[in-house]
Amino acid sequence: MVWRVGRVNLAEHLRHGLAGFPVVSGSRWARQVLAGGQVALSLTLLLTAGLLMRSLFVLGHVDLGLEPQRALVVSLGRTPLEILDRFRTLPGVAAVAAADTKPFTRGEP
């Protein structure tokens, strides 16, 4: 079966290459505009990805205001409020908190 669009035999042109294929006026200009747009979009995406990677790198090295050397992490299972109150009364304790995961461990056990 041979598909025909207008009066052009596409199968014949595809067999012999597109040389001699009728070009609609303005289609070359449209291809150039589309190709230029693709290049511009690609460069924009690359620049944006680079800036995102740089931002993530910088965020990974921000001082969080926490001194991990002076932090004590205790696993108590369920944490009743009485235990937290007892820790608060210990001398030298500045703050007590309860959490599901260790701070700044990204969910590691």
C-alpha atoms as a PDB file:
ATOM      1  CA  MET A   1       0.000   0.000   0.000  1.00  0.00           C
ATOM      2  CA  VAL A   2       1.382   3.409  -0.944  1.00  0.00           C
ATOM      3  CA  TRP A   3       0.296   6.454   1.004  1.00  0.00           C
ATOM      4  CA  ARG A   4      -0.196   9.574  -1.003  1.00  0.00           C
ATOM      5  CA  VAL A   5      -0.349  13.065   0.383  1.00  0.00           C
ATOM      6  CA  GLY A   6      -1.491  15.520  -2.187  1.00  0.00           C
ATOM      7  CA  ARG A   7       0.143  14.387  -5.421  1.00  0.00           C
ATOM      8  CA  VAL A   8       3.494  13.392  -3.939  1.00  0.00           C
ATOM      9  CA  ASN A   9       4.531   9.739  -3.691  1.00  0.00           C
ATOM     10  CA  LEU A  10       6.102   9.677  -0.210  1.00  0.00           C
ATOM     11  CA  ALA A  11       7.347   6.095  -0.460  1.00  0.00           C
ATOM     12  CA  GLU A  12       9.310   6.896  -3.614  1.00  0.00           C
ATOM     13  CA  HIS A  13      10.894   9.999  -2.103  1.00  0.00           C
ATOM     14  CA  LEU A  14      11.817   8.154   1.098  1.00  0.00           C
ATOM     15  CA  ARG A  15      13.488   5.401  -0.935  1.00  0.00           C
ATOM     16  CA  HIS A  16      15.649   7.890  -2.810  1.00  0.00           C
ATOM     17  CA  GLY A  17      16.153  10.390  -0.031  1.00  0.00           C
ATOM     18  CA  LEU A  18      14.475  13.704   0.392  1.00  0.00           C
ATOM     19  CA  ALA A  19      16.407  15.439  -2.383  1.00  0.00           C
ATOM     20  CA  GLY A  20      13.931  16.860  -4.787  1.00  0.00           C
ATOM     21  CA  PHE A  21      11.073  16.676  -2.280  1.00  0.00           C
ATOM     22  CA  PRO A  22       8.872  19.707  -2.759  1.00  0.00           C
ATOM     23  CA  VAL A  23       9.515  22.282  -0.030  1.00  0.00           C
ATOM     24  CA  VAL A  24       6.700  24.550   0.997  1.00  0.00           C
ATOM     25  CA  SER A  25       7.857  28.158   1.070  1.00  0.00           C
ATOM     26  CA  GLY A  26       8.611  29.295   4.590  1.00  0.00           C
ATOM     27  CA  SER A  27       9.211  25.789   5.933  1.00  0.00           C
ATOM     28  CA  ARG A  28      12.993  26.327   5.991  1.00  0.00           C
ATOM     29  CA  TRP A  29      12.499  29.469   8.051  1.00  0.00           C
ATOM     30  CA  ALA A  30      10.174  27.580  10.426  1.00  0.00           C
ATOM     31  CA  ARG A  31      12.752  24.781  10.856  1.00  0.00           C
ATOM     32  CA  GLN A  32      15.451  27.320  11.665  1.00  0.00           C
ATOM     33  CA  VAL A  33      13.235  29.066  14.203  1.00  0.00           C
ATOM     34  CA  LEU A  34      12.317  25.739  15.831  1.00  0.00           C
ATOM     35  CA  ALA A  35      15.953  24.624  15.940  1.00  0.00           C
ATOM     36  CA  GLY A  36      16.980  27.958  17.446  1.00  0.00           C
ATOM     37  CA  GLY A  37      14.226  27.644  20.021  1.00  0.00           C
ATOM     38  CA  GLN A  38      15.400  24.140  20.925  1.00  0.00           C
ATOM     39  CA  VAL A  39      18.963  25.354  21.392  1.00  0.00           C
ATOM     40  CA  ALA A  40      17.793  28.280  23.539  1.00  0.00           C
ATOM     41  CA  LEU A  41      15.598  26.010  25.672  1.00  0.00           C
ATOM     42  CA  SER A  42      18.418  23.467  26.061  1.00  0.00           C
ATOM     43  CA  LEU A  43      20.868  26.141  27.202  1.00  0.00           C
ATOM     44  CA  THR A  44      18.305  27.540  29.627  1.00  0.00           C
ATOM     45  CA  LEU A  45      17.679  24.094  31.106  1.00  0.00           C
ATOM     46  CA  LEU A  46      21.413  23.394  31.427  1.00  0.00           C
ATOM     47  CA  LEU A  47      21.998  26.732  33.137  1.00  0.00           C
ATOM     48  CA  THR A  48      19.072  26.156  35.500  1.00  0.00           C
ATOM     49  CA  ALA A  49      20.278  22.631  36.352  1.00  0.00           C
ATOM     50  CA  GLY A  50      23.774  23.985  37.057  1.00  0.00           C
ATOM     51  CA  LEU A  51      22.402  26.685  39.354  1.00  0.00           C
ATOM     52  CA  LEU A  52      20.254  24.119  41.161  1.00  0.00           C
ATOM     53  CA  MET A  53      23.249  21.815  41.696  1.00  0.00           C
ATOM     54  CA  ARG A  54      25.302  24.752  43.018  1.00  0.00           C
ATOM     55  CA  SER A  55      22.498  25.754  45.386  1.00  0.00           C
ATOM     56  CA  LEU A  56      22.159  22.202  46.698  1.00  0.00           C
ATOM     57  CA  PHE A  57      25.923  22.015  47.238  1.00  0.00           C
ATOM     58  CA  VAL A  58      25.904  25.309  49.152  1.00  0.00           C
ATOM     59  CA  LEU A  59      22.919  24.184  51.237  1.00  0.00           C
ATOM     60  CA  GLY A  60      24.791  21.031  52.182  1.00  0.00           C
ATOM     61  CA  HIS A  61      27.558  23.138  53.716  1.00  0.00           C
ATOM     62  CA  VAL A  62      25.462  25.729  55.591  1.00  0.00           C
ATOM     63  CA  ASP A  63      26.132  26.109  59.310  1.00  0.00           C
ATOM     64  CA  LEU A  64      22.988  24.754  60.941  1.00  0.00           C
ATOM     65  CA  GLY A  65      23.673  26.263  64.340  1.00  0.00           C
ATOM     66  CA  LEU A  66      23.834  22.825  65.940  1.00  0.00           C
ATOM     67  CA  GLU A  67      26.944  21.437  67.545  1.00  0.00           C
ATOM     68  CA  PRO A  68      26.604  17.678  67.061  1.00  0.00           C
ATOM     69  CA  GLN A  69      29.517  17.061  69.442  1.00  0.00           C
ATOM     70  CA  ARG A  70      27.412  18.476  72.286  1.00  0.00           C
ATOM     71  CA  ALA A  71      24.138  16.747  71.334  1.00  0.00           C
ATOM     72  CA  LEU A  72      22.942  13.566  72.972  1.00  0.00           C
ATOM     73  CA  VAL A  73      20.607  11.297  71.028  1.00  0.00           C
ATOM     74  CA  VAL A  74      18.734   8.667  73.016  1.00  0.00           C
ATOM     75  CA  SER A  75      16.349   6.086  71.625  1.00  0.00           C
ATOM     76  CA  LEU A  76      13.453   5.583  74.013  1.00  0.00           C
ATOM     77  CA  GLY A  77      10.855   4.029  71.747  1.00  0.00           C
ATOM     78  CA  ARG A  78       7.763   5.895  72.879  1.00  0.00           C
ATOM     79  CA  THR A  79       8.656   9.163  74.590  1.00  0.00           C
ATOM     80  CA  PRO A  80       6.325  10.151  77.421  1.00  0.00           C
ATOM     81  CA  LEU A  81       6.324  13.772  78.474  1.00  0.00           C
ATOM     82  CA  GLU A  82       7.515  12.851  81.993  1.00  0.00           C
ATOM     83  CA  ILE A  83      10.840  11.584  80.631  1.00  0.00           C
ATOM     84  CA  LEU A  84      11.329  14.815  78.676  1.00  0.00           C
ATOM     85  CA  ASP A  85      10.576  16.842  81.820  1.00  0.00           C
ATOM     86  CA  ARG A  86      13.159  14.799  83.763  1.00  0.00           C
ATOM     87  CA  PHE A  87      15.813  15.504  81.132  1.00  0.00           C
ATOM     88  CA  ARG A  88      15.001  19.241  81.260  1.00  0.00           C
ATOM     89  CA  THR A  89      15.751  19.323  84.995  1.00  0.00           C
ATOM     90  CA  LEU A  90      19.256  17.879  84.583  1.00  0.00           C
ATOM     91  CA  PRO A  91      22.071  20.392  85.166  1.00  0.00           C
ATOM     92  CA  GLY A  92      23.705  21.743  81.989  1.00  0.00           C
ATOM     93  CA  VAL A  93      20.785  20.769  79.709  1.00  0.00           C
ATOM     94  CA  ALA A  94      19.853  23.675  77.459  1.00  0.00           C
ATOM     95  CA  ALA A  95      16.996  22.054  75.508  1.00  0.00           C
ATOM     96  CA  VAL A  96      15.132  18.759  75.156  1.00  0.00           C
ATOM     97  CA  ALA A  97      13.104  17.616  72.172  1.00  0.00           C
ATOM     98  CA  ALA A  98      11.419  14.495  70.849  1.00  0.00           C
ATOM     99  CA  ALA A  99      11.633  13.374  67.211  1.00  0.00           C
ATOM    100  CA  ASP A 100      10.934  10.349  65.035  1.00  0.00           C
ATOM    101  CA  THR A 101      14.415  10.364  63.484  1.00  0.00           C
ATOM    102  CA  LYS A 102      17.822  11.659  64.486  1.00  0.00           C
ATOM    103  CA  PRO A 103      18.394  15.280  63.493  1.00  0.00           C
ATOM    104  CA  PHE A 104      20.142  15.838  60.140  1.00  0.00           C
ATOM    105  CA  THR A 105      20.590  12.124  59.330  1.00  0.00           C
ATOM    106  CA  ARG A 106      18.256  11.979  56.295  1.00  0.00           C
ATOM    107  CA  GLY A 107      16.323   9.087  57.807  1.00  0.00           C
ATOM    108  CA  GLU A 108      19.362   6.904  58.525  1.00  0.00           C
ATOM    109  CA  PRO A 109      18.988   4.734  61.645  1.00  0.00           C
END
